[in-house]
N, C-alpha and C. Protein backbone atom coordinates (compact mmCIF):
# COMPACT_ATOMS: atom_id res chain seq x y z
N UNK A 1 32.02 35.62 -45.57
CA UNK A 1 32.45 37.00 -45.74
C UNK A 1 32.58 37.30 -47.23
N UNK A 2 32.21 38.50 -47.57
CA UNK A 2 32.32 38.94 -48.95
C UNK A 2 33.37 40.06 -49.02
N UNK A 3 34.35 39.93 -49.90
CA UNK A 3 35.37 40.98 -50.00
C UNK A 3 34.76 42.31 -50.40
N UNK A 4 35.26 43.38 -49.79
CA UNK A 4 34.84 44.73 -50.14
C UNK A 4 36.02 45.65 -49.85
N UNK A 5 36.72 46.03 -50.88
CA UNK A 5 37.93 46.84 -50.72
C UNK A 5 37.65 48.21 -50.11
N UNK A 6 36.39 48.61 -50.05
CA UNK A 6 36.06 49.88 -49.38
C UNK A 6 36.32 49.78 -47.88
N UNK A 7 36.43 48.56 -47.36
CA UNK A 7 36.70 48.34 -45.93
C UNK A 7 38.19 48.24 -45.64
N UNK A 8 39.03 48.62 -46.60
CA UNK A 8 40.48 48.48 -46.42
C UNK A 8 40.98 49.31 -45.26
N UNK A 9 41.78 48.66 -44.41
CA UNK A 9 42.44 49.33 -43.29
C UNK A 9 43.81 48.68 -43.13
N UNK A 10 44.81 49.27 -43.73
CA UNK A 10 46.15 48.70 -43.71
C UNK A 10 46.97 49.06 -42.49
N UNK A 11 46.34 49.67 -41.49
CA UNK A 11 47.05 50.15 -40.31
C UNK A 11 47.70 49.01 -39.53
N UNK A 12 48.87 49.30 -39.02
CA UNK A 12 49.62 48.35 -38.21
C UNK A 12 48.80 47.88 -37.01
N UNK A 13 48.10 48.80 -36.37
CA UNK A 13 47.29 48.46 -35.19
C UNK A 13 46.21 47.45 -35.54
N UNK A 14 45.60 47.60 -36.71
CA UNK A 14 44.55 46.67 -37.13
C UNK A 14 45.15 45.29 -37.40
N UNK A 15 46.33 45.25 -38.00
CA UNK A 15 47.01 43.97 -38.23
C UNK A 15 47.28 43.28 -36.90
N UNK A 16 47.74 44.04 -35.91
CA UNK A 16 47.98 43.48 -34.58
C UNK A 16 46.69 42.89 -34.00
N UNK A 17 45.59 43.64 -34.12
CA UNK A 17 44.30 43.17 -33.59
C UNK A 17 43.88 41.86 -34.25
N UNK A 18 44.02 41.79 -35.57
CA UNK A 18 43.61 40.58 -36.29
C UNK A 18 44.46 39.38 -35.89
N UNK A 19 45.77 39.57 -35.82
CA UNK A 19 46.66 38.46 -35.47
C UNK A 19 46.43 38.04 -34.02
N UNK A 20 46.13 39.00 -33.16
CA UNK A 20 45.81 38.68 -31.78
C UNK A 20 44.53 37.85 -31.70
N UNK A 21 43.53 38.23 -32.50
CA UNK A 21 42.28 37.46 -32.53
C UNK A 21 42.51 36.03 -33.02
N UNK A 22 43.43 35.87 -33.96
CA UNK A 22 43.73 34.54 -34.49
C UNK A 22 44.39 33.69 -33.42
N UNK A 23 45.27 34.29 -32.64
CA UNK A 23 45.88 33.58 -31.52
C UNK A 23 46.89 32.51 -31.90
N UNK A 24 47.47 32.63 -33.06
CA UNK A 24 48.48 31.68 -33.53
C UNK A 24 49.80 32.41 -33.73
N UNK A 25 50.86 31.65 -33.96
CA UNK A 25 52.18 32.26 -34.14
C UNK A 25 52.25 33.02 -35.47
N UNK A 26 53.22 33.92 -35.55
CA UNK A 26 53.43 34.66 -36.79
C UNK A 26 53.78 33.72 -37.93
N UNK A 27 54.50 32.65 -37.64
CA UNK A 27 54.84 31.67 -38.67
C UNK A 27 53.58 30.99 -39.19
N UNK A 28 52.69 30.60 -38.29
CA UNK A 28 51.43 29.96 -38.67
C UNK A 28 50.63 30.90 -39.56
N UNK A 29 50.53 32.17 -39.15
CA UNK A 29 49.79 33.17 -39.91
C UNK A 29 50.42 33.37 -41.28
N UNK A 30 51.73 33.50 -41.34
CA UNK A 30 52.43 33.73 -42.61
C UNK A 30 52.17 32.60 -43.59
N UNK A 31 52.19 31.37 -43.11
CA UNK A 31 51.94 30.22 -44.00
C UNK A 31 50.54 30.28 -44.59
N UNK A 32 49.56 30.67 -43.79
CA UNK A 32 48.19 30.75 -44.28
C UNK A 32 48.00 31.93 -45.22
N UNK A 33 48.75 33.01 -45.01
CA UNK A 33 48.67 34.17 -45.90
C UNK A 33 49.42 33.92 -47.21
N UNK A 34 50.35 32.98 -47.19
CA UNK A 34 51.17 32.75 -48.37
C UNK A 34 52.29 33.76 -48.50
N UNK A 35 52.74 34.27 -47.35
CA UNK A 35 53.84 35.24 -47.34
C UNK A 35 54.93 34.74 -46.40
N UNK A 36 56.05 35.42 -46.38
CA UNK A 36 57.15 35.03 -45.50
C UNK A 36 56.91 35.54 -44.08
N UNK A 37 57.60 34.90 -43.14
CA UNK A 37 57.58 35.39 -41.76
C UNK A 37 58.05 36.84 -41.72
N UNK A 38 59.02 37.16 -42.54
CA UNK A 38 59.58 38.52 -42.58
C UNK A 38 58.50 39.52 -42.98
N UNK A 39 57.68 39.17 -43.96
CA UNK A 39 56.60 40.07 -44.40
C UNK A 39 55.64 40.36 -43.23
N UNK A 40 55.30 39.33 -42.47
CA UNK A 40 54.42 39.52 -41.32
C UNK A 40 55.09 40.43 -40.29
N UNK A 41 56.37 40.22 -40.04
CA UNK A 41 57.09 41.08 -39.09
C UNK A 41 57.07 42.54 -39.56
N UNK A 42 57.29 42.76 -40.87
CA UNK A 42 57.26 44.13 -41.40
C UNK A 42 55.87 44.75 -41.23
N UNK A 43 54.83 43.98 -41.50
CA UNK A 43 53.46 44.49 -41.34
C UNK A 43 53.22 44.90 -39.89
N UNK A 44 53.63 44.04 -38.96
CA UNK A 44 53.41 44.32 -37.54
C UNK A 44 54.27 45.48 -37.03
N UNK A 45 55.45 45.63 -37.60
CA UNK A 45 56.31 46.75 -37.20
C UNK A 45 55.85 48.05 -37.86
N UNK A 46 55.31 47.93 -39.08
CA UNK A 46 54.84 49.12 -39.79
C UNK A 46 55.89 49.78 -40.64
N UNK A 47 57.09 49.20 -40.67
CA UNK A 47 58.16 49.78 -41.48
C UNK A 47 59.25 48.75 -41.72
N UNK A 48 60.14 49.10 -42.63
CA UNK A 48 61.34 48.32 -42.88
C UNK A 48 62.41 49.25 -43.43
N UNK A 49 63.64 48.79 -43.39
CA UNK A 49 64.75 49.59 -43.90
C UNK A 49 65.06 49.16 -45.33
N UNK A 50 65.04 50.12 -46.25
CA UNK A 50 65.35 49.88 -47.65
C UNK A 50 66.43 50.87 -48.06
N UNK A 51 67.59 50.35 -48.45
CA UNK A 51 68.72 51.20 -48.84
C UNK A 51 69.04 52.25 -47.79
N UNK A 52 68.99 51.83 -46.54
CA UNK A 52 69.35 52.71 -45.44
C UNK A 52 68.27 53.67 -44.99
N UNK A 53 67.12 53.65 -45.65
CA UNK A 53 66.03 54.56 -45.28
C UNK A 53 64.83 53.75 -44.79
N UNK A 54 64.17 54.27 -43.77
CA UNK A 54 62.98 53.60 -43.25
C UNK A 54 61.80 53.83 -44.18
N UNK A 55 61.12 52.74 -44.54
CA UNK A 55 59.99 52.79 -45.44
C UNK A 55 58.76 52.21 -44.75
N UNK A 56 57.62 52.89 -44.87
CA UNK A 56 56.39 52.38 -44.25
C UNK A 56 55.95 51.10 -44.95
N UNK A 57 55.37 50.20 -44.15
CA UNK A 57 54.82 48.95 -44.67
C UNK A 57 53.39 48.81 -44.16
N UNK A 58 52.47 48.55 -45.06
CA UNK A 58 51.08 48.33 -44.71
C UNK A 58 50.65 47.00 -45.32
N UNK A 59 49.75 46.30 -44.65
CA UNK A 59 49.23 45.09 -45.26
C UNK A 59 48.36 45.48 -46.45
N UNK A 60 48.33 44.60 -47.44
CA UNK A 60 47.47 44.82 -48.59
C UNK A 60 46.03 44.47 -48.22
N UNK A 61 45.08 44.84 -49.05
CA UNK A 61 43.70 44.46 -48.76
C UNK A 61 43.55 42.94 -48.78
N UNK A 62 44.24 42.29 -49.69
CA UNK A 62 44.16 40.83 -49.75
C UNK A 62 44.66 40.21 -48.46
N UNK A 63 45.76 40.72 -47.92
CA UNK A 63 46.27 40.22 -46.63
C UNK A 63 45.27 40.50 -45.52
N UNK A 64 44.69 41.70 -45.52
CA UNK A 64 43.71 42.06 -44.50
C UNK A 64 42.51 41.12 -44.56
N UNK A 65 41.96 40.91 -45.74
CA UNK A 65 40.78 40.06 -45.87
C UNK A 65 41.07 38.63 -45.43
N UNK A 66 42.24 38.13 -45.79
CA UNK A 66 42.62 36.78 -45.39
C UNK A 66 42.74 36.70 -43.87
N UNK A 67 43.35 37.69 -43.25
CA UNK A 67 43.46 37.71 -41.78
C UNK A 67 42.07 37.77 -41.14
N UNK A 68 41.19 38.58 -41.70
CA UNK A 68 39.83 38.65 -41.17
C UNK A 68 39.12 37.30 -41.26
N UNK A 69 39.28 36.63 -42.39
CA UNK A 69 38.68 35.30 -42.56
C UNK A 69 39.27 34.30 -41.57
N UNK A 70 40.58 34.34 -41.38
CA UNK A 70 41.22 33.44 -40.42
C UNK A 70 40.71 33.72 -39.00
N UNK A 71 40.57 34.99 -38.65
CA UNK A 71 40.09 35.34 -37.31
C UNK A 71 38.68 34.80 -37.09
N UNK A 72 37.81 34.97 -38.07
CA UNK A 72 36.44 34.48 -37.96
C UNK A 72 36.43 32.96 -37.86
N UNK A 73 37.25 32.30 -38.67
CA UNK A 73 37.30 30.83 -38.66
C UNK A 73 37.79 30.30 -37.31
N UNK A 74 38.82 30.91 -36.76
CA UNK A 74 39.36 30.48 -35.46
C UNK A 74 38.33 30.72 -34.36
N UNK A 75 37.68 31.87 -34.40
CA UNK A 75 36.65 32.18 -33.38
C UNK A 75 35.46 31.25 -33.52
N UNK A 76 35.06 30.91 -34.73
CA UNK A 76 33.94 30.00 -34.94
C UNK A 76 34.28 28.60 -34.44
N UNK A 77 35.51 28.17 -34.69
CA UNK A 77 35.95 26.85 -34.23
C UNK A 77 35.95 26.80 -32.69
N UNK A 78 36.36 27.90 -32.07
CA UNK A 78 36.37 27.97 -30.61
C UNK A 78 34.95 27.90 -30.06
N UNK A 79 34.00 28.56 -30.75
CA UNK A 79 32.61 28.54 -30.32
C UNK A 79 32.03 27.12 -30.42
N UNK A 80 32.42 26.40 -31.46
CA UNK A 80 31.91 25.04 -31.65
C UNK A 80 32.43 24.07 -30.59
N UNK A 81 33.65 24.32 -30.14
CA UNK A 81 34.24 23.41 -29.17
C UNK A 81 33.86 23.75 -27.73
N UNK A 82 33.21 24.89 -27.54
CA UNK A 82 32.83 25.31 -26.18
C UNK A 82 31.53 24.64 -25.72
């Protein structure tokens, strides 16, 4: 895969789709992304509370690309073992 920021989609729904394709726990995903479990929860929820106000949270392009690569790798590994 070649990174292309023009393909950026930080939507919560897309994050859910990618993590579902990976088929691993949020903790497993967070470790591979290099972020906290909390960050993954915020991405999946789409918001967090900051100073009493709800703030939108979107995955960064770097997080998106890493999730896409993980999804492809997991799917490729499954194809090899089938």
